[in-house]
Amino acid sequence: MNGPNERSQDDLDNRSRQLDPEHDAYWQSRGEDERPDNWEDLI
């Protein structure tokens, strides 16, 4: 079991996706429904 300061692999994977503009999770964490078609122009 994880201690209070340990993150599960799922938490780490989610964080990684939220920091990667190629993933929908990045855009969803910034208020978008999904990755916009022109996402490369926005980063």
PDB file of N, CA and C in Angstrom:
ATOM      1  N   MET A   1       0.850  -1.195   0.000  1.00  0.00           N
ATOM      2  CA  MET A   1       0.000   0.000   0.000  1.00  0.00           C
ATOM      3  C   MET A   1       0.888   1.248   0.000  1.00  0.00           C
ATOM      4  N   ASN A   2       0.431   2.277  -0.666  1.00  0.00           N
ATOM      5  CA  ASN A   2       1.193   3.520  -0.760  1.00  0.00           C
ATOM      6  C   ASN A   2       1.086   4.322   0.523  1.00  0.00           C
ATOM      7  N   GLY A   3       2.189   4.960   0.888  1.00  0.00           N
ATOM      8  CA  GLY A   3       2.177   5.860   2.024  1.00  0.00           C
ATOM      9  C   GLY A   3       1.576   7.192   1.626  1.00  0.00           C
ATOM     10  N   PRO A   4       1.465   8.122   2.556  1.00  0.00           N
ATOM     11  CA  PRO A   4       0.801   9.407   2.276  1.00  0.00           C
ATOM     12  C   PRO A   4       1.507  10.254   1.223  1.00  0.00           C
ATOM     13  N   ASN A   5       2.805  10.058   1.028  1.00  0.00           N
ATOM     14  CA  ASN A   5       3.541  10.878   0.063  1.00  0.00           C
ATOM     15  C   ASN A   5       3.854  10.130  -1.228  1.00  0.00           C
ATOM     16  N   GLU A   6       3.371   8.893  -1.353  1.00  0.00           N
ATOM     17  CA  GLU A   6       3.623   8.103  -2.546  1.00  0.00           C
ATOM     18  C   GLU A   6       2.445   8.219  -3.494  1.00  0.00           C
ATOM     19  N   ARG A   7       2.751   8.213  -4.766  1.00  0.00           N
ATOM     20  CA  ARG A   7       1.701   8.280  -5.784  1.00  0.00           C
ATOM     21  C   ARG A   7       1.628   6.935  -6.495  1.00  0.00           C
ATOM     22  N   SER A   8       0.429   6.522  -6.835  1.00  0.00           N
ATOM     23  CA  SER A   8       0.265   5.279  -7.575  1.00  0.00           C
ATOM     24  C   SER A   8       0.736   5.492  -9.018  1.00  0.00           C
ATOM     25  N   GLN A   9       0.960   4.395  -9.704  1.00  0.00           N
ATOM     26  CA  GLN A   9       1.366   4.499 -11.108  1.00  0.00           C
ATOM     27  C   GLN A   9       0.278   5.192 -11.921  1.00  0.00           C
ATOM     28  N   ASP A  10      -0.982   4.931 -11.591  1.00  0.00           N
ATOM     29  CA  ASP A  10      -2.076   5.603 -12.303  1.00  0.00           C
ATOM     30  C   ASP A  10      -2.013   7.111 -12.114  1.00  0.00           C
ATOM     31  N   ASP A  11      -1.703   7.560 -10.889  1.00  0.00           N
ATOM     32  CA  ASP A  11      -1.573   8.999 -10.633  1.00  0.00           C
ATOM     33  C   ASP A  11      -0.421   9.585 -11.435  1.00  0.00           C
ATOM     34  N   LEU A  12       0.689   8.869 -11.481  1.00  0.00           N
ATOM     35  CA  LEU A  12       1.854   9.355 -12.225  1.00  0.00           C
ATOM     36  C   LEU A  12       1.562   9.394 -13.725  1.00  0.00           C
ATOM     37  N   ASP A  13       0.875   8.369 -14.227  1.00  0.00           N
ATOM     38  CA  ASP A  13       0.520   8.342 -15.648  1.00  0.00           C
ATOM     39  C   ASP A  13      -0.426   9.488 -15.990  1.00  0.00           C
ATOM     40  N   ASN A  14      -1.402   9.740 -15.122  1.00  0.00           N
ATOM     41  CA  ASN A  14      -2.347  10.826 -15.356  1.00  0.00           C
ATOM     42  C   ASN A  14      -1.619  12.165 -15.372  1.00  0.00           C
ATOM     43  N   ARG A  15      -0.719  12.372 -14.433  1.00  0.00           N
ATOM     44  CA  ARG A  15       0.058  13.620 -14.393  1.00  0.00           C
ATOM     45  C   ARG A  15       0.866  13.778 -15.671  1.00  0.00           C
ATOM     46  N   SER A  16       1.480  12.702 -16.111  1.00  0.00           N
ATOM     47  CA  SER A  16       2.265  12.745 -17.343  1.00  0.00           C
ATOM     48  C   SER A  16       1.393  13.136 -18.536  1.00  0.00           C
ATOM     49  N   ARG A  17       0.193  12.547 -18.614  1.00  0.00           N
ATOM     50  CA  ARG A  17      -0.714  12.880 -19.727  1.00  0.00           C
ATOM     51  C   ARG A  17      -1.174  14.328 -19.653  1.00  0.00           C
ATOM     52  N   GLN A  18      -1.374  14.839 -18.445  1.00  0.00           N
ATOM     53  CA  GLN A  18      -1.830  16.221 -18.307  1.00  0.00           C
ATOM     54  C   GLN A  18      -0.737  17.221 -18.661  1.00  0.00           C
ATOM     55  N   LEU A  19       0.495  16.791 -18.704  1.00  0.00           N
ATOM     56  CA  LEU A  19       1.607  17.673 -19.057  1.00  0.00           C
ATOM     57  C   LEU A  19       2.038  17.513 -20.514  1.00  0.00           C
ATOM     58  N   ASP A  20       1.372  16.627 -21.252  1.00  0.00           N
ATOM     59  CA  ASP A  20       1.740  16.332 -22.635  1.00  0.00           C
ATOM     60  C   ASP A  20       0.641  16.822 -23.576  1.00  0.00           C
ATOM     61  N   PRO A  21       0.905  17.868 -24.357  1.00  0.00           N
ATOM     62  CA  PRO A  21      -0.136  18.441 -25.215  1.00  0.00           C
ATOM     63  C   PRO A  21      -0.642  17.501 -26.307  1.00  0.00           C
ATOM     64  N   GLU A  22      -0.002  16.351 -26.509  1.00  0.00           N
ATOM     65  CA  GLU A  22      -0.508  15.394 -27.484  1.00  0.00           C
ATOM     66  C   GLU A  22      -1.689  14.596 -26.938  1.00  0.00           C
ATOM     67  N   HIS A  23      -1.914  14.647 -25.627  1.00  0.00           N
ATOM     68  CA  HIS A  23      -2.999  13.885 -24.998  1.00  0.00           C
ATOM     69  C   HIS A  23      -4.205  14.768 -24.723  1.00  0.00           C
ATOM     70  N   ASP A  24      -5.406  14.187 -24.868  1.00  0.00           N
ATOM     71  CA  ASP A  24      -6.634  14.903 -24.545  1.00  0.00           C
ATOM     72  C   ASP A  24      -6.630  15.378 -23.098  1.00  0.00           C
ATOM     73  N   ALA A  25      -6.018  14.606 -22.191  1.00  0.00           N
ATOM     74  CA  ALA A  25      -6.008  14.964 -20.764  1.00  0.00           C
ATOM     75  C   ALA A  25      -5.345  16.319 -20.535  1.00  0.00           C
ATOM     76  N   TYR A  26      -4.357  16.666 -21.339  1.00  0.00           N
ATOM     77  CA  TYR A  26      -3.704  17.972 -21.245  1.00  0.00           C
ATOM     78  C   TYR A  26      -4.734  19.071 -21.463  1.00  0.00           C
ATOM     79  N   TRP A  27      -5.511  18.931 -22.517  1.00  0.00           N
ATOM     80  CA  TRP A  27      -6.484  19.952 -22.881  1.00  0.00           C
ATOM     81  C   TRP A  27      -7.674  19.938 -21.938  1.00  0.00           C
ATOM     82  N   GLN A  28      -8.091  18.758 -21.483  1.00  0.00           N
ATOM     83  CA  GLN A  28      -9.205  18.660 -20.542  1.00  0.00           C
ATOM     84  C   GLN A  28      -8.858  19.324 -19.219  1.00  0.00           C
ATOM     85  N   SER A  29      -7.601  19.203 -18.798  1.00  0.00           N
ATOM     86  CA  SER A  29      -7.195  19.836 -17.543  1.00  0.00           C
ATOM     87  C   SER A  29      -7.114  21.353 -17.683  1.00  0.00           C
ATOM     88  N   ARG A  30      -7.227  21.831 -18.927  1.00  0.00           N
ATOM     89  CA  ARG A  30      -7.202  23.268 -19.197  1.00  0.00           C
ATOM     90  C   ARG A  30      -8.551  23.773 -19.706  1.00  0.00           C
ATOM     91  N   GLY A  31      -9.596  22.976 -19.483  1.00  0.00           N
ATOM     92  CA  GLY A  31     -10.955  23.422 -19.768  1.00  0.00           C
ATOM     93  C   GLY A  31     -11.495  23.097 -21.147  1.00  0.00           C
ATOM     94  N   GLU A  32     -10.749  22.366 -21.950  1.00  0.00           N
ATOM     95  CA  GLU A  32     -11.219  21.976 -23.278  1.00  0.00           C
ATOM     96  C   GLU A  32     -11.867  20.589 -23.207  1.00  0.00           C
ATOM     97  N   ASP A  33     -12.718  20.268 -24.177  1.00  0.00           N
ATOM     98  CA  ASP A  33     -13.329  18.945 -24.224  1.00  0.00           C
ATOM     99  C   ASP A  33     -12.348  17.882 -24.705  1.00  0.00           C
ATOM    100  N   GLU A  34     -11.497  18.272 -25.635  1.00  0.00           N
ATOM    101  CA  GLU A  34     -10.503  17.366 -26.191  1.00  0.00           C
ATOM    102  C   GLU A  34      -9.406  18.190 -26.844  1.00  0.00           C
ATOM    103  N   ARG A  35      -8.412  17.507 -27.386  1.00  0.00           N
ATOM    104  CA  ARG A  35      -7.320  18.217 -28.054  1.00  0.00           C
ATOM    105  C   ARG A  35      -7.853  18.907 -29.303  1.00  0.00           C
ATOM    106  N   PRO A  36      -7.669  20.226 -29.418  1.00  0.00           N
ATOM    107  CA  PRO A  36      -8.133  20.943 -30.613  1.00  0.00           C
ATOM    108  C   PRO A  36      -7.352  20.517 -31.856  1.00  0.00           C
ATOM    109  N   ASP A  37      -7.996  20.662 -32.987  1.00  0.00           N
ATOM    110  CA  ASP A  37      -7.336  20.292 -34.261  1.00  0.00           C
ATOM    111  C   ASP A  37      -6.074  21.121 -34.492  1.00  0.00           C
ATOM    112  N   ASN A  38      -6.076  22.367 -34.046  1.00  0.00           N
ATOM    113  CA  ASN A  38      -4.918  23.248 -34.262  1.00  0.00           C
ATOM    114  C   ASN A  38      -4.022  23.312 -33.021  1.00  0.00           C
ATOM    115  N   TRP A  39      -3.963  22.209 -32.261  1.00  0.00           N
ATOM    116  CA  TRP A  39      -3.235  22.209 -30.991  1.00  0.00           C
ATOM    117  C   TRP A  39      -1.765  22.581 -31.161  1.00  0.00           C
ATOM    118  N   GLU A  40      -1.168  22.213 -32.282  1.00  0.00           N
ATOM    119  CA  GLU A  40       0.259  22.529 -32.477  1.00  0.00           C
ATOM    120  C   GLU A  40       0.484  24.034 -32.595  1.00  0.00           C
ATOM    121  N   ASP A  41      -0.508  24.757 -33.108  1.00  0.00           N
ATOM    122  CA  ASP A  41      -0.396  26.221 -33.203  1.00  0.00           C
ATOM    123  C   ASP A  41      -0.573  26.876 -31.848  1.00  0.00           C
ATOM    124  N   LEU A  42      -1.225  26.181 -30.923  1.00  0.00           N
ATOM    125  CA  LEU A  42      -1.549  26.773 -29.610  1.00  0.00           C
ATOM    126  C   LEU A  42      -0.459  26.591 -28.570  1.00  0.00           C
ATOM    127  N   ILE A  43       0.482  25.673 -28.826  1.00  0.00           N
ATOM    128  CA  ILE A  43       1.532  25.441 -27.819  1.00  0.00           C
ATOM    129  C   ILE A  43       2.787  26.214 -28.120  1.00  0.00           C
TER     130      ILE A  43
END
